[in-house]
């Protein structure tokens, strides 16, 4: 158990780092450690930290954190920031840590992967983590997907939700709506309409399917036929938004499905195009 005092520091500090690529397990002062700047998790529940701190006081730290050494008395967390925070909250001055050689990019990727394995990482935090890695290290979506062991389309779809306005993302997080709810709102390009829909979803406890239906109706109101202004001629508002065309394709495929034909649809969005794969059973 990590019940050390400042007086024990010199006795416990054995900074004889192995210069090879082998990891080493050491006990280091908590004050020598800093969080990872690429940590995707932005919110740490105080209640959860209190519970973990109480557990550590009773049973000790069961799993060491992982850090990389930046200088003689300077470490950066690769994995385990929540454990480090709980150890500090519990009043301990030292912590068990695995010292792992890692370059900046490796540290960032490892921090993201470690948090992706935890179910409580919010989907906005995950998407922001992807964006940060790509921006800071010049990675393409394909390169990032390969490092994370994911499909490129998965990374692309995750990052699409970052296109929502900040006010909409904040309200979605506050109301604890799902990622699929958020993705359904992407088809709207009207912040006011998006905010109204988010409130409707929460108040009416709408499912994803009902949300998609509500988006359809809102799109029809915003971008549908415009009443004739003069001469009895109907003026139609033509949208150049590609999502309208995607919706047309989806509706056509829906009618094909109802006819009994097995059909699958997959859309993958990149920076300047949308690739669509449609499979029909013979």
Protein backbone atom coordinates (compact mmCIF):
# COMPACT_ATOMS: atom_id res chain seq x y z
CA UNK A 1 0.00 0.00 0.00
CA UNK A 2 1.29 3.46 -0.90
CA UNK A 3 1.44 5.13 2.50
CA UNK A 4 4.70 7.05 2.16
CA UNK A 5 5.81 10.28 3.77
CA UNK A 6 8.15 12.98 2.47
CA UNK A 7 10.87 11.69 4.80
CA UNK A 8 10.94 8.41 2.90
CA UNK A 9 11.42 10.08 -0.47
CA UNK A 10 15.22 9.82 -0.70
CA UNK A 11 15.18 6.18 0.35
CA UNK A 12 12.51 5.28 -2.19
CA UNK A 13 13.84 7.31 -5.13
CA UNK A 14 15.95 4.97 -7.20
CA UNK A 15 16.12 6.63 -10.55
CA UNK A 16 18.49 4.13 -12.10
CA UNK A 17 16.65 4.07 -15.39
CA UNK A 18 17.34 1.15 -17.67
CA UNK A 19 18.57 2.70 -20.91
CA UNK A 20 17.28 -0.24 -22.93
CA UNK A 21 13.79 -0.53 -24.31
CA UNK A 22 12.64 -2.64 -21.33
CA UNK A 23 10.05 -1.05 -19.09
CA UNK A 24 10.85 -0.52 -15.42
CA UNK A 25 8.56 -0.40 -12.38
CA UNK A 26 9.39 2.36 -9.91
CA UNK A 27 7.85 4.31 -7.04
CA UNK A 28 7.98 8.02 -7.84
CA UNK A 29 6.67 11.23 -6.22
CA UNK A 30 3.25 12.28 -7.45
CA UNK A 31 4.54 15.86 -7.74
CA UNK A 32 6.96 14.77 -10.47
CA UNK A 33 4.12 13.69 -12.73
CA UNK A 34 2.07 15.73 -15.19
CA UNK A 35 -1.07 14.73 -17.16
CA UNK A 36 -0.80 13.80 -20.81
CA UNK A 37 -1.67 16.81 -23.00
CA UNK A 38 -3.30 14.39 -25.46
CA UNK A 39 -5.59 12.90 -22.81
CA UNK A 40 -8.99 12.72 -24.54
CA UNK A 41 -10.95 12.65 -21.30
CA UNK A 42 -11.82 16.19 -20.27
CA UNK A 43 -14.21 15.48 -17.38
CA UNK A 44 -13.35 13.43 -14.28
CA UNK A 45 -16.26 12.71 -11.97
CA UNK A 46 -15.39 13.91 -8.47
CA UNK A 47 -17.70 11.28 -6.97
CA UNK A 48 -15.94 8.55 -8.93
CA UNK A 49 -12.51 9.88 -7.88
CA UNK A 50 -13.61 9.94 -4.24
CA UNK A 51 -14.70 6.30 -4.47
CA UNK A 52 -11.41 5.27 -6.08
CA UNK A 53 -9.40 7.26 -3.52
CA UNK A 54 -11.28 5.50 -0.70
CA UNK A 55 -10.54 2.11 -2.29
CA UNK A 56 -6.85 2.96 -2.66
CA UNK A 57 -6.69 3.98 1.01
CA UNK A 58 -8.09 0.58 1.97
CA UNK A 59 -6.40 -1.77 -0.50
CA UNK A 60 -3.60 0.21 -2.11
CA UNK A 61 -3.06 0.88 -5.80
CA UNK A 62 -3.61 -2.47 -7.51
CA UNK A 63 -2.57 -1.38 -11.01
CA UNK A 64 0.42 0.94 -11.54
CA UNK A 65 0.09 3.89 -13.87
CA UNK A 66 2.24 4.09 -17.02
CA UNK A 67 4.48 7.10 -17.63
CA UNK A 68 7.35 8.21 -19.80
CA UNK A 69 10.37 10.06 -18.45
CA UNK A 70 10.95 13.53 -19.87
CA UNK A 71 13.81 14.60 -17.59
CA UNK A 72 15.44 13.59 -14.30
CA UNK A 73 12.45 14.58 -12.16
CA UNK A 74 9.78 14.97 -14.78
CA UNK A 75 7.29 12.33 -15.98
CA UNK A 76 4.28 12.40 -18.27
CA UNK A 77 1.33 10.04 -17.91
CA UNK A 78 0.69 7.64 -20.77
CA UNK A 79 -2.10 5.72 -19.06
CA UNK A 80 -3.72 6.07 -15.65
CA UNK A 81 -4.46 9.77 -15.06
CA UNK A 82 -7.62 8.89 -13.12
CA UNK A 83 -5.59 6.60 -10.80
CA UNK A 84 -2.96 9.32 -10.33
CA UNK A 85 -5.64 11.88 -9.44
CA UNK A 86 -7.20 9.45 -6.95
CA UNK A 87 -3.82 8.72 -5.33
CA UNK A 88 -3.27 12.47 -4.91
CA UNK A 89 -6.77 12.87 -3.51
CA UNK A 90 -6.09 10.05 -1.05
CA UNK A 91 -3.14 12.04 0.29
CA UNK A 92 -0.31 9.78 -0.85
CA UNK A 93 2.97 11.36 -1.88
CA UNK A 94 4.26 8.55 -4.11
CA UNK A 95 2.81 6.20 -6.70
CA UNK A 96 3.79 2.98 -8.44
CA UNK A 97 4.51 3.59 -12.11
CA UNK A 98 5.74 1.65 -15.11
CA UNK A 99 8.37 3.74 -16.92
CA UNK A 100 7.92 3.21 -20.64
CA UNK A 101 10.02 4.73 -23.44
CA UNK A 102 7.69 6.52 -25.83
CA UNK A 103 7.90 9.33 -28.35
CA UNK A 104 5.24 12.06 -28.40
CA UNK A 105 3.10 10.35 -31.02
CA UNK A 106 3.27 6.95 -29.28
CA UNK A 107 2.32 8.57 -25.97
CA UNK A 108 -0.68 10.30 -27.54
CA UNK A 109 -1.92 7.14 -29.26
CA UNK A 110 -1.46 5.02 -26.14
CA UNK A 111 -3.34 7.57 -24.03
CA UNK A 112 -6.23 7.51 -26.48
CA UNK A 113 -6.32 3.72 -26.75
CA UNK A 114 -6.24 3.33 -22.96
CA UNK A 115 -9.28 5.57 -22.64
CA UNK A 116 -11.13 4.04 -25.60
CA UNK A 117 -11.08 0.75 -23.73
CA UNK A 118 -13.19 2.34 -21.00
CA UNK A 119 -16.90 2.47 -21.68
CA UNK A 120 -17.48 5.85 -19.99
CA UNK A 121 -15.42 7.90 -22.46
CA UNK A 122 -17.89 10.31 -24.09
CA UNK A 123 -18.19 10.08 -27.87
CA UNK A 124 -17.37 13.78 -28.26
CA UNK A 125 -14.17 13.26 -26.23
CA UNK A 126 -13.31 10.30 -28.42
CA UNK A 127 -13.83 12.28 -31.62
CA UNK A 128 -11.82 15.22 -30.23
CA UNK A 129 -9.04 12.77 -29.37
CA UNK A 130 -8.96 11.61 -32.99
CA UNK A 131 -8.89 15.19 -34.21
CA UNK A 132 -6.09 16.17 -31.83
CA UNK A 133 -3.89 13.26 -32.92
CA UNK A 134 -4.40 14.03 -36.59
CA UNK A 135 -3.72 17.74 -36.14
CA UNK A 136 -0.70 17.51 -33.83
CA UNK A 137 1.06 14.67 -35.68
CA UNK A 138 -0.08 15.21 -39.26
CA UNK A 139 -1.87 11.88 -39.48
CA UNK A 140 -4.48 11.07 -42.10
CA UNK A 141 -7.69 9.30 -41.11
CA UNK A 142 -6.33 6.15 -42.72
CA UNK A 143 -3.06 6.31 -40.74
CA UNK A 144 -4.87 6.99 -37.49
CA UNK A 145 -7.32 4.15 -38.11
CA UNK A 146 -4.43 1.76 -38.73
CA UNK A 147 -2.72 2.76 -35.46
CA UNK A 148 -5.97 2.34 -33.52
CA UNK A 149 -6.88 -0.93 -35.23
CA UNK A 150 -10.13 0.49 -36.62
CA UNK A 151 -11.68 0.92 -40.05
CA UNK A 152 -11.13 4.28 -41.74
CA UNK A 153 -14.90 4.66 -42.14
CA UNK A 154 -15.33 4.23 -38.37
CA UNK A 155 -12.89 7.06 -37.66
CA UNK A 156 -14.52 9.26 -40.32
CA UNK A 157 -18.02 8.71 -38.92
CA UNK A 158 -16.83 9.40 -35.37
CA UNK A 159 -15.28 12.71 -36.41
CA UNK A 160 -18.35 13.87 -38.34
CA UNK A 161 -20.15 14.74 -35.11
CA UNK A 162 -17.57 17.46 -34.42
CA UNK A 163 -19.22 19.47 -37.20
CA UNK A 164 -22.13 20.21 -34.87
CA UNK A 165 -22.12 23.73 -33.36
CA UNK A 166 -20.62 24.06 -29.86
CA UNK A 167 -24.00 25.00 -28.37
CA UNK A 168 -25.59 21.85 -29.81
CA UNK A 169 -22.76 19.60 -28.61
CA UNK A 170 -22.97 21.09 -25.13
CA UNK A 171 -26.73 20.50 -24.92
CA UNK A 172 -26.37 16.93 -26.22
CA UNK A 173 -23.79 16.24 -23.50
CA UNK A 174 -25.96 17.86 -20.83
CA UNK A 175 -28.98 15.79 -21.82
CA UNK A 176 -26.84 12.62 -22.15
CA UNK A 177 -28.13 11.82 -25.63
CA UNK A 178 -26.53 9.04 -27.67
CA UNK A 179 -24.02 9.30 -30.48
CA UNK A 180 -26.68 8.14 -32.94
CA UNK A 181 -28.95 10.98 -31.83
CA UNK A 182 -26.10 13.40 -32.47
CA UNK A 183 -25.36 11.93 -35.89
CA UNK A 184 -29.01 12.25 -36.92
CA UNK A 185 -28.82 16.01 -36.30
CA UNK A 186 -25.94 16.42 -38.75
CA UNK A 187 -28.35 16.52 -41.65
CA UNK A 188 -29.63 19.86 -40.46
CA UNK A 189 -27.55 22.96 -41.20
CA UNK A 190 -29.54 25.21 -38.94
CA UNK A 191 -28.25 25.68 -35.38
CA UNK A 192 -31.58 26.97 -34.08
CA UNK A 193 -33.41 23.96 -35.53
CA UNK A 194 -30.81 21.59 -34.10
CA UNK A 195 -31.17 23.06 -30.60
CA UNK A 196 -34.95 22.80 -30.80
CA UNK A 197 -34.69 19.16 -31.84
CA UNK A 198 -32.29 18.34 -29.00
CA UNK A 199 -34.79 19.76 -26.51
CA UNK A 200 -37.64 17.83 -28.17
CA UNK A 201 -35.61 14.60 -28.00
CA UNK A 202 -35.03 15.08 -24.29
CA UNK A 203 -38.54 16.19 -23.36
CA UNK A 204 -40.27 13.48 -25.40
CA UNK A 205 -37.61 10.82 -24.74
CA UNK A 206 -37.40 10.08 -28.46
CA UNK A 207 -35.67 7.00 -29.83
CA UNK A 208 -33.10 7.31 -32.60
CA UNK A 209 -35.69 6.20 -35.17
CA UNK A 210 -38.22 8.80 -34.02
CA UNK A 211 -35.44 11.40 -34.02
CA UNK A 212 -34.59 10.56 -37.63
CA UNK A 213 -38.27 10.90 -38.54
CA UNK A 214 -38.41 14.27 -36.81
CA UNK A 215 -35.31 15.40 -38.73
CA UNK A 216 -37.07 14.39 -41.97
CA UNK A 217 -40.07 16.54 -41.12
CA UNK A 218 -37.88 19.46 -40.12
CA UNK A 219 -35.93 19.22 -43.38
CA UNK A 220 -39.19 19.24 -45.32
CA UNK A 221 -40.31 22.40 -43.51
CA UNK A 222 -36.98 24.16 -43.97
CA UNK A 223 -36.09 23.11 -47.50
CA UNK A 224 -39.27 21.76 -49.08
CA UNK A 225 -41.61 23.41 -51.58
CA UNK A 226 -42.10 27.17 -51.24
CA UNK A 227 -45.65 28.57 -51.79
CA UNK A 228 -46.11 30.38 -55.13
CA UNK A 229 -45.22 34.07 -54.93
CA UNK A 230 -46.68 35.31 -58.23
CA UNK A 231 -48.17 34.26 -61.55
CA UNK A 232 -49.39 30.96 -60.15
CA UNK A 233 -45.94 29.42 -60.70
CA UNK A 234 -44.51 27.06 -58.06
CA UNK A 235 -41.02 27.88 -56.94
CA UNK A 236 -39.04 24.90 -55.62
CA UNK A 237 -36.09 25.42 -53.32
CA UNK A 238 -33.31 23.23 -54.68
CA UNK A 239 -30.81 22.19 -52.06
CA UNK A 240 -27.23 21.62 -53.05
CA UNK A 241 -26.52 19.87 -49.75
CA UNK A 242 -25.34 16.36 -50.60
CA UNK A 243 -27.18 14.98 -47.53
CA UNK A 244 -30.46 15.61 -49.34
CA UNK A 245 -29.26 13.40 -52.19
CA UNK A 246 -28.15 10.71 -49.74
CA UNK A 247 -31.60 10.79 -48.20
CA UNK A 248 -33.16 10.30 -51.63
CA UNK A 249 -30.99 7.22 -52.15
CA UNK A 250 -31.96 5.85 -48.74
CA UNK A 251 -35.66 6.27 -49.49
CA UNK A 252 -35.26 4.44 -52.82
CA UNK A 253 -33.46 1.58 -51.10
CA UNK A 254 -36.17 1.45 -48.46
CA UNK A 255 -38.76 0.88 -51.18
CA UNK A 256 -36.58 -1.86 -52.68
CA UNK A 257 -36.38 -3.57 -49.28
CA UNK A 258 -40.16 -3.49 -48.95
CA UNK A 259 -40.41 -5.33 -52.26
CA UNK A 260 -38.56 -8.25 -50.69
CA UNK A 261 -35.09 -7.70 -52.14
CA UNK A 262 -32.18 -7.87 -49.71
CA UNK A 263 -30.13 -4.70 -49.95
CA UNK A 264 -27.37 -3.13 -47.84
CA UNK A 265 -26.09 0.45 -47.83
CA UNK A 266 -22.90 1.97 -46.50
CA UNK A 267 -21.69 5.56 -46.84
CA UNK A 268 -18.14 6.66 -46.02
CA UNK A 269 -17.42 10.39 -45.84
CA UNK A 270 -14.00 11.90 -46.47
CA UNK A 271 -12.94 15.54 -46.72
CA UNK A 272 -14.13 16.15 -50.28
CA UNK A 273 -16.39 13.26 -51.20
CA UNK A 274 -18.84 10.61 -50.05
CA UNK A 275 -18.35 7.00 -51.15
CA UNK A 276 -21.48 4.85 -51.27
CA UNK A 277 -21.54 1.06 -51.41
CA UNK A 278 -24.88 -0.60 -52.27
CA UNK A 279 -25.20 -4.36 -52.36
CA UNK A 280 -28.23 -6.11 -53.87
CA UNK A 281 -28.92 -9.81 -53.45
CA UNK A 282 -29.42 -11.59 -56.77
